[in-house]
Amino acid sequence: MTAEENIVKRVCKELGITQRELAERMDIPESTVARWKGGDLPRLAELYLNALLENIELKSKLETIKKPTKSYLIYSALKFFNTLFLSFLKVFI
């Protein structure tokens, strides 16, 4: 099993945690995570770890979508000032 294929390493790397911290988060013994890293990974654990990786990826994509672009911020500011200007015109006309 190469480093690219080792899901335990990938999860720890993506989350920025150690194997010990992964074991604590999963409420399992650290020796179990070490065994999984060696290749003895039960199917249910593999599904769980894959779900964690997908969750990380989806959160990253969501953050990218949530960040307003510079052009959107400029557009919003111009729209606000246009509305404000029209309101002042109505007062004085």
N, C-alpha and C. Protein backbone atom coordinates (compact mmCIF):
# COMPACT_ATOMS: atom_id res chain seq x y z
N MET A 1 0.85 -1.18 0.00
CA MET A 1 0.00 0.00 0.00
C MET A 1 0.89 1.24 0.00
N THR A 2 0.74 2.11 -1.00
CA THR A 2 1.55 3.32 -1.08
C THR A 2 0.94 4.42 -0.23
N ALA A 3 1.72 5.49 -0.06
CA ALA A 3 1.24 6.62 0.74
C ALA A 3 -0.02 7.22 0.13
N GLU A 4 -0.09 7.23 -1.22
CA GLU A 4 -1.25 7.79 -1.89
C GLU A 4 -2.50 6.95 -1.60
N GLU A 5 -2.31 5.65 -1.47
CA GLU A 5 -3.43 4.75 -1.24
C GLU A 5 -3.81 4.67 0.24
N ASN A 6 -2.91 5.06 1.13
CA ASN A 6 -3.17 4.91 2.56
C ASN A 6 -4.14 5.97 3.04
N ILE A 7 -5.36 5.55 3.24
CA ILE A 7 -6.42 6.48 3.59
C ILE A 7 -6.23 7.07 4.99
N VAL A 8 -5.64 6.31 5.90
CA VAL A 8 -5.41 6.83 7.25
C VAL A 8 -4.46 8.03 7.18
N LYS A 9 -3.37 7.88 6.42
CA LYS A 9 -2.43 9.00 6.26
C LYS A 9 -3.11 10.20 5.60
N ARG A 10 -3.92 9.93 4.57
CA ARG A 10 -4.59 11.02 3.86
C ARG A 10 -5.54 11.78 4.77
N VAL A 11 -6.31 11.05 5.57
CA VAL A 11 -7.25 11.70 6.48
C VAL A 11 -6.50 12.55 7.50
N CYS A 12 -5.46 11.98 8.08
CA CYS A 12 -4.68 12.73 9.07
C CYS A 12 -4.06 13.98 8.45
N LYS A 13 -3.54 13.82 7.25
CA LYS A 13 -2.92 14.97 6.57
C LYS A 13 -3.95 16.04 6.26
N GLU A 14 -5.09 15.65 5.71
CA GLU A 14 -6.14 16.61 5.34
C GLU A 14 -6.70 17.34 6.56
N LEU A 15 -6.85 16.62 7.67
CA LEU A 15 -7.38 17.23 8.89
C LEU A 15 -6.30 17.92 9.71
N GLY A 16 -5.03 17.65 9.37
CA GLY A 16 -3.93 18.23 10.13
C GLY A 16 -3.85 17.67 11.54
N ILE A 17 -4.09 16.37 11.66
CA ILE A 17 -4.07 15.72 12.98
C ILE A 17 -3.16 14.50 12.94
N THR A 18 -2.85 14.00 14.13
CA THR A 18 -2.03 12.79 14.25
C THR A 18 -2.95 11.57 14.28
N GLN A 19 -2.33 10.39 14.19
CA GLN A 19 -3.11 9.15 14.30
C GLN A 19 -3.77 9.06 15.67
N ARG A 20 -3.07 9.53 16.67
CA ARG A 20 -3.63 9.50 18.03
C ARG A 20 -4.90 10.37 18.09
N GLU A 21 -4.83 11.56 17.48
CA GLU A 21 -6.00 12.44 17.49
C GLU A 21 -7.15 11.85 16.67
N LEU A 22 -6.82 11.17 15.58
CA LEU A 22 -7.85 10.50 14.80
C LEU A 22 -8.53 9.43 15.64
N ALA A 23 -7.73 8.66 16.35
CA ALA A 23 -8.28 7.61 17.22
C ALA A 23 -9.18 8.21 18.29
N GLU A 24 -8.76 9.35 18.86
CA GLU A 24 -9.58 10.01 19.89
C GLU A 24 -10.89 10.50 19.29
N ARG A 25 -10.84 11.07 18.10
CA ARG A 25 -12.05 11.56 17.46
C ARG A 25 -13.02 10.43 17.14
N MET A 26 -12.46 9.27 16.80
CA MET A 26 -13.30 8.12 16.47
C MET A 26 -13.65 7.29 17.69
N ASP A 27 -13.06 7.64 18.84
CA ASP A 27 -13.28 6.93 20.10
C ASP A 27 -12.90 5.45 19.97
N ILE A 28 -11.71 5.23 19.43
CA ILE A 28 -11.16 3.88 19.29
C ILE A 28 -9.71 3.90 19.76
N PRO A 29 -9.14 2.73 20.07
CA PRO A 29 -7.73 2.69 20.51
C PRO A 29 -6.79 3.12 19.38
N GLU A 30 -5.71 3.77 19.78
CA GLU A 30 -4.70 4.21 18.81
C GLU A 30 -4.09 3.02 18.07
N SER A 31 -3.99 1.88 18.75
CA SER A 31 -3.43 0.69 18.11
C SER A 31 -4.30 0.22 16.94
N THR A 32 -5.59 0.47 17.02
CA THR A 32 -6.49 0.12 15.92
C THR A 32 -6.18 0.95 14.69
N VAL A 33 -5.98 2.26 14.88
CA VAL A 33 -5.64 3.15 13.77
C VAL A 33 -4.29 2.74 13.17
N ALA A 34 -3.35 2.38 14.03
CA ALA A 34 -2.03 1.94 13.55
C ALA A 34 -2.17 0.67 12.71
N ARG A 35 -3.04 -0.23 13.13
CA ARG A 35 -3.28 -1.45 12.36
C ARG A 35 -3.91 -1.13 11.01
N TRP A 36 -4.83 -0.18 11.01
CA TRP A 36 -5.47 0.24 9.76
C TRP A 36 -4.44 0.84 8.81
N LYS A 37 -3.51 1.61 9.38
CA LYS A 37 -2.48 2.23 8.56
C LYS A 37 -1.62 1.16 7.89
N GLY A 38 -1.46 0.05 8.56
CA GLY A 38 -0.68 -1.06 8.01
C GLY A 38 -1.42 -1.85 6.94
N GLY A 39 -2.69 -1.55 6.74
CA GLY A 39 -3.43 -2.21 5.67
C GLY A 39 -4.58 -3.08 6.13
N ASP A 40 -4.72 -3.31 7.43
CA ASP A 40 -5.80 -4.15 7.96
C ASP A 40 -7.02 -3.26 8.25
N LEU A 41 -7.65 -2.78 7.18
CA LEU A 41 -8.73 -1.80 7.31
C LEU A 41 -10.08 -2.45 7.02
N PRO A 42 -10.96 -2.52 8.03
CA PRO A 42 -12.30 -3.07 7.80
C PRO A 42 -13.09 -2.18 6.83
N ARG A 43 -14.01 -2.76 6.12
CA ARG A 43 -14.79 -2.03 5.11
C ARG A 43 -15.55 -0.84 5.70
N LEU A 44 -16.15 -1.02 6.86
CA LEU A 44 -16.91 0.06 7.49
C LEU A 44 -15.99 1.24 7.85
N ALA A 45 -14.80 0.93 8.34
CA ALA A 45 -13.84 1.98 8.67
C ALA A 45 -13.40 2.72 7.40
N GLU A 46 -13.21 1.96 6.32
CA GLU A 46 -12.83 2.58 5.05
C GLU A 46 -13.93 3.53 4.56
N LEU A 47 -15.17 3.11 4.68
CA LEU A 47 -16.29 3.97 4.28
C LEU A 47 -16.34 5.25 5.13
N TYR A 48 -16.11 5.09 6.42
CA TYR A 48 -16.12 6.23 7.34
C TYR A 48 -15.01 7.21 6.97
N LEU A 49 -13.80 6.70 6.74
CA LEU A 49 -12.67 7.57 6.42
C LEU A 49 -12.86 8.24 5.06
N ASN A 50 -13.43 7.51 4.09
CA ASN A 50 -13.74 8.12 2.80
C ASN A 50 -14.78 9.23 2.95
N ALA A 51 -15.74 9.03 3.82
CA ALA A 51 -16.75 10.06 4.08
C ALA A 51 -16.09 11.30 4.69
N LEU A 52 -15.14 11.08 5.59
CA LEU A 52 -14.41 12.22 6.16
C LEU A 52 -13.68 13.01 5.07
N LEU A 53 -13.01 12.30 4.18
CA LEU A 53 -12.29 12.97 3.09
C LEU A 53 -13.25 13.74 2.19
N GLU A 54 -14.38 13.13 1.87
CA GLU A 54 -15.35 13.81 1.01
C GLU A 54 -15.92 15.03 1.71
N ASN A 55 -16.15 14.93 3.00
CA ASN A 55 -16.65 16.06 3.78
C ASN A 55 -15.65 17.22 3.72
N ILE A 56 -14.37 16.91 3.86
CA ILE A 56 -13.33 17.94 3.80
C ILE A 56 -13.36 18.62 2.43
N GLU A 57 -13.46 17.81 1.38
CA GLU A 57 -13.48 18.34 0.01
C GLU A 57 -14.71 19.23 -0.21
N LEU A 58 -15.87 18.78 0.26
CA LEU A 58 -17.09 19.56 0.09
C LEU A 58 -17.04 20.87 0.86
N LYS A 59 -16.49 20.84 2.07
CA LYS A 59 -16.35 22.06 2.85
C LYS A 59 -15.46 23.06 2.13
N SER A 60 -14.38 22.56 1.55
CA SER A 60 -13.46 23.42 0.81
C SER A 60 -14.17 24.06 -0.39
N LYS A 61 -14.93 23.27 -1.13
CA LYS A 61 -15.67 23.81 -2.27
C LYS A 61 -16.71 24.82 -1.82
N LEU A 62 -17.38 24.55 -0.71
CA LEU A 62 -18.39 25.47 -0.20
C LEU A 62 -17.76 26.80 0.20
N GLU A 63 -16.62 26.75 0.86
CA GLU A 63 -15.92 27.98 1.24
C GLU A 63 -15.56 28.80 0.01
N THR A 64 -15.15 28.12 -1.06
CA THR A 64 -14.80 28.81 -2.29
C THR A 64 -16.04 29.50 -2.87
N ILE A 65 -17.17 28.83 -2.81
CA ILE A 65 -18.41 29.40 -3.34
C ILE A 65 -18.87 30.57 -2.48
N LYS A 66 -18.73 30.45 -1.17
CA LYS A 66 -19.19 31.47 -0.24
C LYS A 66 -18.40 32.77 -0.35
N LYS A 67 -17.11 32.67 -0.70
CA LYS A 67 -16.28 33.87 -0.76
C LYS A 67 -16.74 34.76 -1.92
N PRO A 68 -17.16 35.98 -1.59
CA PRO A 68 -17.58 36.85 -2.68
C PRO A 68 -16.38 37.30 -3.50
N THR A 69 -16.58 37.39 -4.78
CA THR A 69 -15.50 37.84 -5.64
C THR A 69 -15.38 39.35 -5.56
N LYS A 70 -14.26 39.86 -5.98
CA LYS A 70 -14.01 41.29 -5.94
C LYS A 70 -15.03 42.03 -6.81
N SER A 71 -15.32 41.47 -7.98
CA SER A 71 -16.28 42.13 -8.87
C SER A 71 -17.67 42.16 -8.26
N TYR A 72 -18.05 41.11 -7.53
CA TYR A 72 -19.35 41.10 -6.88
C TYR A 72 -19.41 42.16 -5.79
N LEU A 73 -18.32 42.32 -5.04
CA LEU A 73 -18.30 43.34 -3.99
C LEU A 73 -18.42 44.74 -4.58
N ILE A 74 -17.74 44.98 -5.70
CA ILE A 74 -17.83 46.27 -6.38
C ILE A 74 -19.25 46.50 -6.87
N TYR A 75 -19.83 45.48 -7.49
CA TYR A 75 -21.20 45.56 -7.97
C TYR A 75 -22.16 45.90 -6.82
N SER A 76 -22.00 45.21 -5.69
CA SER A 76 -22.87 45.44 -4.54
C SER A 76 -22.73 46.87 -4.02
N ALA A 77 -21.50 47.36 -3.95
CA ALA A 77 -21.26 48.72 -3.47
C ALA A 77 -21.90 49.74 -4.42
N LEU A 78 -21.72 49.53 -5.72
CA LEU A 78 -22.32 50.45 -6.69
C LEU A 78 -23.84 50.42 -6.61
N LYS A 79 -24.40 49.27 -6.46
CA LYS A 79 -25.85 49.15 -6.34
C LYS A 79 -26.35 49.88 -5.09
N PHE A 80 -25.62 49.73 -3.99
CA PHE A 80 -26.00 50.40 -2.74
C PHE A 80 -25.95 51.92 -2.92
N PHE A 81 -24.84 52.42 -3.48
CA PHE A 81 -24.71 53.87 -3.65
C PHE A 81 -25.72 54.42 -4.67
N ASN A 82 -26.04 53.64 -5.67
CA ASN A 82 -27.06 54.05 -6.62
C ASN A 82 -28.41 54.19 -5.93
N THR A 83 -28.76 53.22 -5.10
CA THR A 83 -30.01 53.26 -4.35
C THR A 83 -30.02 54.45 -3.40
N LEU A 84 -28.92 54.68 -2.74
CA LEU A 84 -28.80 55.81 -1.83
C LEU A 84 -28.95 57.13 -2.58
N PHE A 85 -28.30 57.26 -3.72
CA PHE A 85 -28.36 58.47 -4.53
C PHE A 85 -29.79 58.73 -5.00
N LEU A 86 -30.48 57.68 -5.47
CA LEU A 86 -31.85 57.85 -5.91
C LEU A 86 -32.77 58.26 -4.76
N SER A 87 -32.49 57.77 -3.57
CA SER A 87 -33.28 58.15 -2.40
C SER A 87 -33.10 59.64 -2.10
N PHE A 88 -31.87 60.12 -2.21
CA PHE A 88 -31.61 61.55 -1.98
C PHE A 88 -32.27 62.39 -3.05
N LEU A 89 -32.27 61.92 -4.29
CA LEU A 89 -32.93 62.67 -5.36
C LEU A 89 -34.41 62.81 -5.11
N LYS A 90 -35.05 61.75 -4.62
CA LYS A 90 -36.49 61.79 -4.34
C LYS A 90 -36.80 62.82 -3.26
N VAL A 91 -35.90 62.98 -2.31
CA VAL A 91 -36.11 63.93 -1.22
C VAL A 91 -36.06 65.36 -1.75
N PHE A 92 -35.14 65.61 -2.67
CA PHE A 92 -34.93 66.98 -3.14
C PHE A 92 -35.73 67.33 -4.39
N ILE A 93 -36.41 66.36 -4.97
CA ILE A 93 -37.18 66.66 -6.19
C ILE A 93 -38.64 66.81 -5.85
